[in-house]
Amino acid sequence: MHLVMVALLGAATSAASAASATPAAAADNRGQRLYASCAGCRGTAGAGSGNSGEILPVLAGQPKDALAASMRAFRTGERPATIMQQLAKGYTDEQIELIAAYLAAQPGPAR
């Protein structure tokens, strides 16, 4: 009986911990998961590609609003691009905001 009580108490504690996770942390996690499909071209955590982001620029640490605006411009065709226009069409405004927040929170390049 004692083991059952300990197990139930542990489960309740885990549920309480999950419920107390900050909304920002949950949003960051969703943004990170959405960004995962971008990493092949953009590098892990927005590091860019090439030497120090020469080929594709570093996105990590850039302002969230600028990143979101850029993605929306790709999506509408206002900012033409071969691949990004098509990819951006697949994201909602909420998803774009989550990706932008994730990238903005990443450490930018060392200076």
C-alpha atoms as a PDB file:
ATOM      1  CA  MET A   1       0.000   0.000   0.000  1.00  0.00           C
ATOM      2  CA  HIS A   2       2.845   2.337   0.849  1.00  0.00           C
ATOM      3  CA  LEU A   3       4.372   1.852  -2.633  1.00  0.00           C
ATOM      4  CA  VAL A   4       1.061   2.710  -4.278  1.00  0.00           C
ATOM      5  CA  MET A   5       0.876   5.966  -2.308  1.00  0.00           C
ATOM      6  CA  VAL A   6       4.446   6.861  -3.261  1.00  0.00           C
ATOM      7  CA  ALA A   7       3.722   6.134  -6.926  1.00  0.00           C
ATOM      8  CA  LEU A   8       0.561   8.251  -6.865  1.00  0.00           C
ATOM      9  CA  LEU A   9       2.350  11.087  -5.115  1.00  0.00           C
ATOM     10  CA  GLY A  10       5.152  10.942  -7.716  1.00  0.00           C
ATOM     11  CA  ALA A  11       2.650  11.045 -10.575  1.00  0.00           C
ATOM     12  CA  ALA A  12       0.847  13.999  -9.000  1.00  0.00           C
ATOM     13  CA  THR A  13       4.130  15.849  -8.531  1.00  0.00           C
ATOM     14  CA  SER A  14       5.095  15.226 -12.177  1.00  0.00           C
ATOM     15  CA  ALA A  15       1.717  16.482 -13.381  1.00  0.00           C
ATOM     16  CA  ALA A  16       2.014  19.586 -11.205  1.00  0.00           C
ATOM     17  CA  SER A  17       5.510  20.272 -12.552  1.00  0.00           C
ATOM     18  CA  ALA A  18       4.303  19.943 -16.139  1.00  0.00           C
ATOM     19  CA  ALA A  19       1.358  22.215 -15.437  1.00  0.00           C
ATOM     20  CA  SER A  20       3.610  24.852 -13.878  1.00  0.00           C
ATOM     21  CA  ALA A  21       5.924  25.009 -16.915  1.00  0.00           C
ATOM     22  CA  THR A  22       5.934  28.555 -18.218  1.00  0.00           C
ATOM     23  CA  PRO A  23       3.965  29.345 -21.362  1.00  0.00           C
ATOM     24  CA  ALA A  24       7.132  30.921 -22.799  1.00  0.00           C
ATOM     25  CA  ALA A  25       9.039  27.657 -22.372  1.00  0.00           C
ATOM     26  CA  ALA A  26       6.250  25.722 -24.057  1.00  0.00           C
ATOM     27  CA  ALA A  27       6.150  28.226 -26.921  1.00  0.00           C
ATOM     28  CA  ASP A  28       9.935  28.034 -27.295  1.00  0.00           C
ATOM     29  CA  ASN A  29       9.711  24.260 -27.515  1.00  0.00           C
ATOM     30  CA  ARG A  30       7.041  24.479 -30.226  1.00  0.00           C
ATOM     31  CA  GLY A  31       9.125  27.041 -32.099  1.00  0.00           C
ATOM     32  CA  GLN A  32      12.149  24.775 -31.881  1.00  0.00           C
ATOM     33  CA  ARG A  33      10.163  21.822 -33.228  1.00  0.00           C
ATOM     34  CA  LEU A  34       8.809  23.922 -36.109  1.00  0.00           C
ATOM     35  CA  TYR A  35      12.303  25.220 -36.883  1.00  0.00           C
ATOM     36  CA  ALA A  36      13.710  21.681 -37.081  1.00  0.00           C
ATOM     37  CA  SER A  37      12.609  21.405 -40.716  1.00  0.00           C
ATOM     38  CA  CYS A  38      14.607  24.573 -41.515  1.00  0.00           C
ATOM     39  CA  ALA A  39      17.881  23.372 -39.990  1.00  0.00           C
ATOM     40  CA  GLY A  40      19.010  21.570 -43.136  1.00  0.00           C
ATOM     41  CA  CYS A  41      19.487  24.881 -44.927  1.00  0.00           C
ATOM     42  CA  ARG A  42      19.673  27.356 -42.071  1.00  0.00           C
ATOM     43  CA  GLY A  43      21.844  25.427 -39.668  1.00  0.00           C
ATOM     44  CA  THR A  44      21.209  24.288 -36.149  1.00  0.00           C
ATOM     45  CA  ALA A  45      19.496  27.013 -34.106  1.00  0.00           C
ATOM     46  CA  GLY A  46      19.757  29.520 -36.964  1.00  0.00           C
ATOM     47  CA  ALA A  47      23.549  29.451 -37.214  1.00  0.00           C
ATOM     48  CA  GLY A  48      23.474  30.101 -40.978  1.00  0.00           C
ATOM     49  CA  SER A  49      25.452  28.173 -43.533  1.00  0.00           C
ATOM     50  CA  GLY A  50      28.857  28.563 -45.021  1.00  0.00           C
ATOM     51  CA  ASN A  51      31.651  30.164 -43.032  1.00  0.00           C
ATOM     52  CA  SER A  52      29.991  32.373 -40.408  1.00  0.00           C
ATOM     53  CA  GLY A  53      26.730  32.521 -42.338  1.00  0.00           C
ATOM     54  CA  GLU A  54      28.175  33.759 -45.642  1.00  0.00           C
ATOM     55  CA  ILE A  55      25.865  31.697 -47.863  1.00  0.00           C
ATOM     56  CA  LEU A  56      22.687  31.969 -45.815  1.00  0.00           C
ATOM     57  CA  PRO A  57      22.722  34.595 -43.086  1.00  0.00           C
ATOM     58  CA  VAL A  58      22.710  33.838 -39.391  1.00  0.00           C
ATOM     59  CA  LEU A  59      19.180  34.056 -37.990  1.00  0.00           C
ATOM     60  CA  ALA A  60      20.054  33.336 -34.356  1.00  0.00           C
ATOM     61  CA  GLY A  61      19.745  36.384 -32.130  1.00  0.00           C
ATOM     62  CA  GLN A  62      18.024  38.525 -34.758  1.00  0.00           C
ATOM     63  CA  PRO A  63      15.031  40.629 -33.630  1.00  0.00           C
ATOM     64  CA  LYS A  64      11.842  38.562 -33.436  1.00  0.00           C
ATOM     65  CA  ASP A  65       9.730  41.157 -35.248  1.00  0.00           C
ATOM     66  CA  ALA A  66      12.198  41.386 -38.135  1.00  0.00           C
ATOM     67  CA  LEU A  67      12.327  37.591 -38.506  1.00  0.00           C
ATOM     68  CA  ALA A  68       8.521  37.310 -38.465  1.00  0.00           C
ATOM     69  CA  ALA A  69       8.138  40.164 -40.955  1.00  0.00           C
ATOM     70  CA  SER A  70      10.645  38.537 -43.286  1.00  0.00           C
ATOM     71  CA  MET A  71       8.809  35.190 -43.167  1.00  0.00           C
ATOM     72  CA  ARG A  72       5.489  36.909 -43.879  1.00  0.00           C
ATOM     73  CA  ALA A  73       7.044  38.777 -46.796  1.00  0.00           C
ATOM     74  CA  PHE A  74       8.259  35.453 -48.218  1.00  0.00           C
ATOM     75  CA  ARG A  75       4.792  33.977 -47.721  1.00  0.00           C
ATOM     76  CA  THR A  76       3.005  36.782 -49.593  1.00  0.00           C
ATOM     77  CA  GLY A  77       5.620  36.970 -52.350  1.00  0.00           C
ATOM     78  CA  GLU A  78       6.570  40.519 -51.368  1.00  0.00           C
ATOM     79  CA  ARG A  79      10.078  39.174 -50.814  1.00  0.00           C
ATOM     80  CA  PRO A  80      10.795  36.871 -53.745  1.00  0.00           C
ATOM     81  CA  ALA A  81      12.825  33.740 -53.264  1.00  0.00           C
ATOM     82  CA  THR A  82      13.020  30.387 -54.969  1.00  0.00           C
ATOM     83  CA  ILE A  83      12.463  28.117 -51.995  1.00  0.00           C
ATOM     84  CA  MET A  84      11.417  30.303 -49.072  1.00  0.00           C
ATOM     85  CA  GLN A  85       8.289  31.566 -50.827  1.00  0.00           C
ATOM     86  CA  GLN A  86       6.981  28.020 -51.087  1.00  0.00           C
ATOM     87  CA  LEU A  87       8.030  26.972 -47.593  1.00  0.00           C
ATOM     88  CA  ALA A  88       6.633  30.063 -45.894  1.00  0.00           C
ATOM     89  CA  LYS A  89       3.195  29.430 -47.396  1.00  0.00           C
ATOM     90  CA  GLY A  90       2.937  26.362 -45.181  1.00  0.00           C
ATOM     91  CA  TYR A  91       3.130  28.331 -41.906  1.00  0.00           C
ATOM     92  CA  THR A  92       0.366  30.124 -40.046  1.00  0.00           C
ATOM     93  CA  ASP A  93       0.948  33.499 -38.406  1.00  0.00           C
ATOM     94  CA  GLU A  94       1.158  31.764 -35.028  1.00  0.00           C
ATOM     95  CA  GLN A  95       3.764  29.303 -36.303  1.00  0.00           C
ATOM     96  CA  ILE A  96       5.804  32.127 -37.822  1.00  0.00           C
ATOM     97  CA  GLU A  97       5.739  33.948 -34.469  1.00  0.00           C
ATOM     98  CA  LEU A  98       6.859  30.789 -32.646  1.00  0.00           C
ATOM     99  CA  ILE A  99       9.757  30.199 -35.045  1.00  0.00           C
ATOM    100  CA  ALA A 100      10.792  33.860 -34.868  1.00  0.00           C
ATOM    101  CA  ALA A 101      10.697  33.816 -31.056  1.00  0.00           C
ATOM    102  CA  TYR A 102      12.796  30.653 -30.965  1.00  0.00           C
ATOM    103  CA  LEU A 103      15.422  32.087 -33.308  1.00  0.00           C
ATOM    104  CA  ALA A 104      15.521  35.449 -31.525  1.00  0.00           C
ATOM    105  CA  ALA A 105      16.226  33.649 -28.237  1.00  0.00           C
ATOM    106  CA  GLN A 106      19.215  31.763 -29.665  1.00  0.00           C
ATOM    107  CA  PRO A 107      22.702  33.152 -29.064  1.00  0.00           C
ATOM    108  CA  GLY A 108      23.905  35.090 -32.063  1.00  0.00           C
ATOM    109  CA  PRO A 109      27.383  34.848 -33.531  1.00  0.00           C
ATOM    110  CA  ALA A 110      30.331  35.670 -31.306  1.00  0.00           C
ATOM    111  CA  ARG A 111      31.796  39.030 -32.078  1.00  0.00           C
END
